[in-house]
Amino acid sequence: MNSRKIASTSRRTLLTWGCFGLGSMAIAALPKLVNAQSNNSPGKTLTFNANDVGILNFALLLEELEAAFYVGVVSSGKITNAKELEYMRYFGSQEAAHVTFLRNVLANQVLFNTPDLSFNQASLNRLLASRESILNTAIALEDVGVHAYNGAGTSMTNGTFLLAAGSIVSVEARHAAGVRSLLGKPVTEPDSDRLVNDANLNAALNPFKGKAYDELYTPKQIVAIVASLNLLNNPINGALVA
């Protein structure tokens, strides 16, 4: 890793993007995300190495998936309640902003472009088939984001990258709580909803299990969860997810 490249992103600049730049970035990102959804070829192999650059690029991939999903939600016509549609639009704009935010933080260390991503349109259509499917998928994606950021954060050493991840994970948690409330579910994730059970949790990442915190998932576990949704055609490899 080139420390001089990383140092070029100051914490002050990072906070400026986070506080003032998100609205306009979200609007600019949406057309690109729609274009990415139409691509059903196998797509570019995504390789994430076990270092800070690999971790933040992996986070970027999750944000791309979430942003693309919400674009599909808004255009599906299946969310007819005005309040719920407002939630979906707002969450989608924030996820699109996260995409642009992370791309700015990574700068020339971004490993893939949005058009490199190949989304499985049939699977996306299946998840967008009804209100219940949409909202439950939104919960799953947002909860996975929380587990992923928390799990990866323990391995990050670059302060700027860690600050970027930390500024997003709390938003993902608020999104999850918001969608859960729309379905009348508890706003915090009960153990019964977790996609990785206690027996399969990485013990080193979860020394405080059962003491009122969100469990930490490994990148490999996150990839398995994302693969189960069958949304992405791109092969994923690298030391981070091995």
Protein backbone atom coordinates (compact mmCIF):
# COMPACT_ATOMS: atom_id res chain seq x y z
CA MET A 1 0.00 0.00 0.00
CA ASN A 2 1.23 3.47 -0.86
CA SER A 3 0.91 5.51 2.32
CA ARG A 4 1.48 8.76 0.47
CA LYS A 5 -1.59 8.15 -1.69
CA ILE A 6 -3.70 7.42 1.36
CA ALA A 7 -2.43 10.46 3.20
CA SER A 8 -3.67 12.69 0.39
CA THR A 9 -7.19 12.29 1.77
CA SER A 10 -7.26 14.40 4.90
CA ARG A 11 -9.74 13.87 7.71
CA ARG A 12 -10.99 17.43 7.23
CA THR A 13 -11.74 16.76 3.56
CA LEU A 14 -13.41 13.48 4.48
CA LEU A 15 -15.72 15.19 6.93
CA THR A 16 -16.51 17.88 4.38
CA TRP A 17 -17.68 15.23 1.89
CA GLY A 18 -19.72 13.54 4.60
CA CYS A 19 -21.46 16.67 5.85
CA PHE A 20 -22.03 18.74 2.72
CA GLY A 21 -21.63 16.71 -0.45
CA LEU A 22 -24.04 13.78 -0.18
CA GLY A 23 -27.19 15.16 -1.76
CA SER A 24 -25.66 16.18 -5.07
CA MET A 25 -23.49 13.05 -5.24
CA ALA A 26 -26.53 10.83 -4.83
CA ILE A 27 -28.33 12.44 -7.75
CA ALA A 28 -25.28 12.06 -9.97
CA ALA A 29 -24.82 8.38 -9.08
CA LEU A 30 -28.33 7.11 -9.82
CA PRO A 31 -28.19 6.84 -13.65
CA LYS A 32 -24.95 4.82 -13.49
CA LEU A 33 -26.50 2.41 -11.02
CA VAL A 34 -29.50 1.87 -13.29
CA ASN A 35 -27.17 1.11 -16.21
CA ALA A 36 -25.26 -1.42 -14.12
CA GLN A 37 -28.45 -3.35 -13.37
CA SER A 38 -29.10 -4.10 -17.04
CA ASN A 39 -25.88 -6.06 -17.47
CA ASN A 40 -26.40 -9.85 -17.15
CA SER A 41 -22.99 -11.08 -18.39
CA PRO A 42 -20.66 -12.85 -15.90
CA GLY A 43 -18.79 -9.60 -15.47
CA LYS A 44 -15.35 -8.73 -14.20
CA THR A 45 -13.81 -10.87 -11.47
CA LEU A 46 -13.61 -8.81 -8.29
CA THR A 47 -10.46 -9.45 -6.26
CA PHE A 48 -10.20 -8.15 -2.71
CA ASN A 49 -6.91 -8.55 -0.88
CA ALA A 50 -6.70 -8.66 2.91
CA ASN A 51 -5.57 -5.07 3.45
CA ASP A 52 -7.18 -1.68 4.00
CA VAL A 53 -7.66 -1.07 0.28
CA GLY A 54 -9.32 -4.45 -0.16
CA ILE A 55 -11.58 -3.91 2.84
CA LEU A 56 -12.82 -0.49 1.74
CA ASN A 57 -13.36 -1.69 -1.83
CA PHE A 58 -15.38 -4.58 -0.44
CA ALA A 59 -17.45 -2.05 1.51
CA LEU A 60 -17.92 -0.15 -1.75
CA LEU A 61 -19.28 -3.30 -3.38
CA LEU A 62 -21.90 -3.67 -0.65
CA GLU A 63 -22.93 -0.04 -1.09
CA GLU A 64 -23.23 -0.55 -4.85
CA LEU A 65 -25.55 -3.53 -4.25
CA GLU A 66 -27.71 -1.59 -1.82
CA ALA A 67 -27.92 1.47 -4.04
CA ALA A 68 -28.85 -0.61 -7.10
CA PHE A 69 -31.50 -2.45 -5.09
CA TYR A 70 -33.20 0.78 -4.00
CA VAL A 71 -33.18 2.10 -7.56
CA GLY A 72 -35.05 -1.07 -8.53
CA VAL A 73 -37.43 -0.68 -5.59
CA VAL A 74 -38.48 2.84 -6.54
CA SER A 75 -39.03 1.91 -10.19
CA SER A 76 -40.86 -1.37 -9.42
CA GLY A 77 -44.17 0.24 -8.50
CA LYS A 78 -44.67 -2.30 -5.70
CA ILE A 79 -44.32 0.24 -2.89
CA THR A 80 -47.54 2.23 -3.08
CA ASN A 81 -47.73 3.72 0.40
CA ALA A 82 -46.43 7.30 0.22
CA LYS A 83 -44.53 7.11 3.52
CA GLU A 84 -42.87 3.82 2.61
CA LEU A 85 -41.93 5.10 -0.85
CA GLU A 86 -40.39 8.18 0.74
CA TYR A 87 -38.27 5.89 2.94
CA MET A 88 -37.12 3.87 -0.06
CA ARG A 89 -36.18 6.97 -2.04
CA TYR A 90 -34.35 8.51 0.88
CA PHE A 91 -32.45 5.35 1.73
CA GLY A 92 -31.57 4.86 -1.92
CA SER A 93 -30.19 8.38 -2.21
CA GLN A 94 -28.05 7.82 0.87
CA GLU A 95 -26.71 4.50 -0.43
CA ALA A 96 -25.86 6.16 -3.75
CA ALA A 97 -24.11 8.89 -1.78
CA HIS A 98 -22.13 6.24 0.09
CA VAL A 99 -20.96 4.84 -3.26
CA THR A 100 -19.63 8.20 -4.41
CA PHE A 101 -18.25 8.97 -0.95
CA LEU A 102 -16.19 5.76 -0.82
CA ARG A 103 -15.01 6.24 -4.40
CA ASN A 104 -13.74 9.68 -3.44
CA VAL A 105 -12.01 8.32 -0.35
CA LEU A 106 -10.35 5.51 -2.30
CA ALA A 107 -9.48 7.79 -5.25
CA ASN A 108 -7.12 5.93 -7.60
CA GLN A 109 -7.23 2.84 -5.39
CA VAL A 110 -10.76 1.89 -6.49
CA LEU A 111 -10.61 -1.66 -7.86
CA PHE A 112 -13.73 -1.63 -10.05
CA ASN A 113 -16.13 0.74 -11.78
CA THR A 114 -19.91 0.60 -11.44
CA PRO A 115 -20.34 -0.62 -15.08
CA ASP A 116 -18.05 -3.57 -14.20
CA LEU A 117 -20.80 -4.97 -11.98
CA SER A 118 -23.17 -7.49 -13.51
CA PHE A 119 -26.53 -7.81 -11.77
CA ASN A 120 -28.80 -10.83 -12.16
CA GLN A 121 -31.99 -9.21 -13.41
CA ALA A 122 -34.15 -12.30 -12.84
CA SER A 123 -33.13 -12.48 -9.19
CA LEU A 124 -33.61 -8.74 -8.75
CA ASN A 125 -37.11 -9.01 -10.24
CA ARG A 126 -37.89 -11.85 -7.81
CA LEU A 127 -36.88 -9.74 -4.83
CA LEU A 128 -38.92 -6.80 -6.17
CA ALA A 129 -42.06 -8.85 -6.72
CA SER A 130 -43.99 -7.61 -3.66
CA ARG A 131 -43.91 -5.10 -0.84
CA GLU A 132 -43.11 -7.80 1.71
CA SER A 133 -40.24 -9.19 -0.35
CA ILE A 134 -38.84 -5.71 -0.94
CA LEU A 135 -38.92 -4.65 2.70
CA ASN A 136 -37.54 -7.96 3.99
CA THR A 137 -34.72 -7.82 1.43
CA ALA A 138 -33.98 -4.23 2.47
CA ILE A 139 -33.73 -5.36 6.10
CA ALA A 140 -31.38 -8.20 5.14
CA LEU A 141 -29.10 -5.92 3.09
CA GLU A 142 -28.95 -3.20 5.73
CA ASP A 143 -28.34 -5.66 8.58
CA VAL A 144 -25.63 -7.37 6.54
CA GLY A 145 -24.02 -3.98 6.00
CA VAL A 146 -23.85 -3.39 9.76
CA HIS A 147 -22.33 -6.82 10.43
CA ALA A 148 -19.88 -6.38 7.54
CA TYR A 149 -18.58 -2.94 8.52
CA ASN A 150 -18.20 -3.97 12.15
CA GLY A 151 -16.44 -7.20 11.22
CA ALA A 152 -14.02 -5.56 8.79
CA GLY A 153 -13.29 -2.58 11.01
CA THR A 154 -11.21 -4.64 13.42
CA SER A 155 -8.70 -5.33 10.64
CA MET A 156 -8.31 -1.78 9.35
CA THR A 157 -5.18 0.18 10.20
CA ASN A 158 -5.56 3.36 8.13
CA GLY A 159 -7.29 6.06 10.16
CA THR A 160 -8.94 7.78 7.20
CA PHE A 161 -10.38 4.55 5.85
CA LEU A 162 -11.60 3.55 9.31
CA LEU A 163 -13.26 6.95 9.73
CA ALA A 164 -14.99 6.51 6.37
CA ALA A 165 -16.33 3.08 7.34
CA GLY A 166 -17.39 4.26 10.78
CA SER A 167 -19.30 7.20 9.35
CA ILE A 168 -21.40 4.82 7.23
CA VAL A 169 -22.11 1.89 9.55
CA SER A 170 -24.34 3.96 11.85
CA VAL A 171 -26.41 5.04 8.84
CA GLU A 172 -26.84 1.41 7.77
CA ALA A 173 -28.12 0.59 11.25
CA ARG A 174 -30.63 3.46 11.12
CA HIS A 175 -31.83 2.24 7.71
CA ALA A 176 -32.35 -1.27 9.09
CA ALA A 177 -34.32 0.09 12.04
CA GLY A 178 -36.44 2.26 9.74
CA VAL A 179 -37.42 -0.60 7.44
CA ARG A 180 -38.08 -2.90 10.38
CA SER A 181 -40.50 -0.33 11.76
CA LEU A 182 -42.41 -0.33 8.45
CA LEU A 183 -43.00 -4.06 8.87
CA GLY A 184 -43.88 -3.75 12.55
CA LYS A 185 -40.76 -5.63 13.58
CA PRO A 186 -38.38 -4.89 16.47
CA VAL A 187 -36.06 -2.12 15.36
CA THR A 188 -33.01 -4.04 16.55
CA GLU A 189 -32.14 -7.36 14.95
CA PRO A 190 -33.22 -10.34 17.07
CA ASP A 191 -31.02 -13.43 17.07
CA SER A 192 -33.71 -15.30 15.16
CA ASP A 193 -33.23 -12.97 12.18
CA ARG A 194 -29.45 -13.25 12.01
CA LEU A 195 -28.09 -14.97 8.90
CA VAL A 196 -25.04 -16.31 10.78
CA ASN A 197 -25.91 -18.29 13.90
CA ASP A 198 -23.91 -18.43 17.11
CA ALA A 199 -22.18 -21.68 16.20
CA ASN A 200 -20.76 -20.16 13.02
CA LEU A 201 -19.64 -16.83 14.42
CA ASN A 202 -15.90 -16.17 14.37
CA ALA A 203 -14.97 -16.33 18.06
CA ALA A 204 -12.01 -13.96 17.70
CA LEU A 205 -14.29 -11.28 16.21
CA ASN A 206 -17.02 -11.79 18.81
CA PRO A 207 -15.48 -11.92 22.29
CA PHE A 208 -18.45 -10.05 23.78
CA LYS A 209 -21.25 -12.14 22.27
CA GLY A 210 -24.48 -11.73 24.19
CA LYS A 211 -23.52 -8.40 25.76
CA ALA A 212 -25.81 -6.06 23.78
CA TYR A 213 -23.94 -5.41 20.58
CA ASP A 214 -24.14 -6.34 16.88
CA GLU A 215 -22.32 -9.53 15.99
CA LEU A 216 -19.34 -9.21 13.65
CA TYR A 217 -19.27 -11.24 10.43
CA THR A 218 -16.20 -12.12 8.38
CA PRO A 219 -15.95 -10.97 4.74
CA LYS A 220 -16.25 -14.62 3.69
CA GLN A 221 -19.56 -14.89 5.55
CA ILE A 222 -20.80 -11.67 3.94
CA VAL A 223 -19.93 -12.99 0.48
CA ALA A 224 -21.88 -16.18 1.22
CA ILE A 225 -24.94 -14.15 2.28
CA VAL A 226 -24.76 -11.92 -0.79
CA ALA A 227 -24.31 -14.99 -3.00
CA SER A 228 -27.47 -16.52 -1.50
CA LEU A 229 -29.46 -13.57 -2.88
CA ASN A 230 -28.03 -14.33 -6.34
CA LEU A 231 -27.97 -10.62 -7.20
CA LEU A 232 -24.44 -10.39 -8.51
CA ASN A 233 -22.97 -12.37 -11.41
CA ASN A 234 -19.38 -11.25 -10.84
CA PRO A 235 -17.00 -13.86 -9.40
CA ILE A 236 -15.42 -12.69 -6.12
CA ASN A 237 -12.03 -13.85 -4.86
CA GLY A 238 -8.91 -12.65 -3.07
CA ALA A 239 -7.30 -13.16 0.33
CA LEU A 240 -9.96 -11.07 2.10
CA VAL A 241 -12.76 -13.53 1.30
CA ALA A 242 -10.74 -16.76 1.14
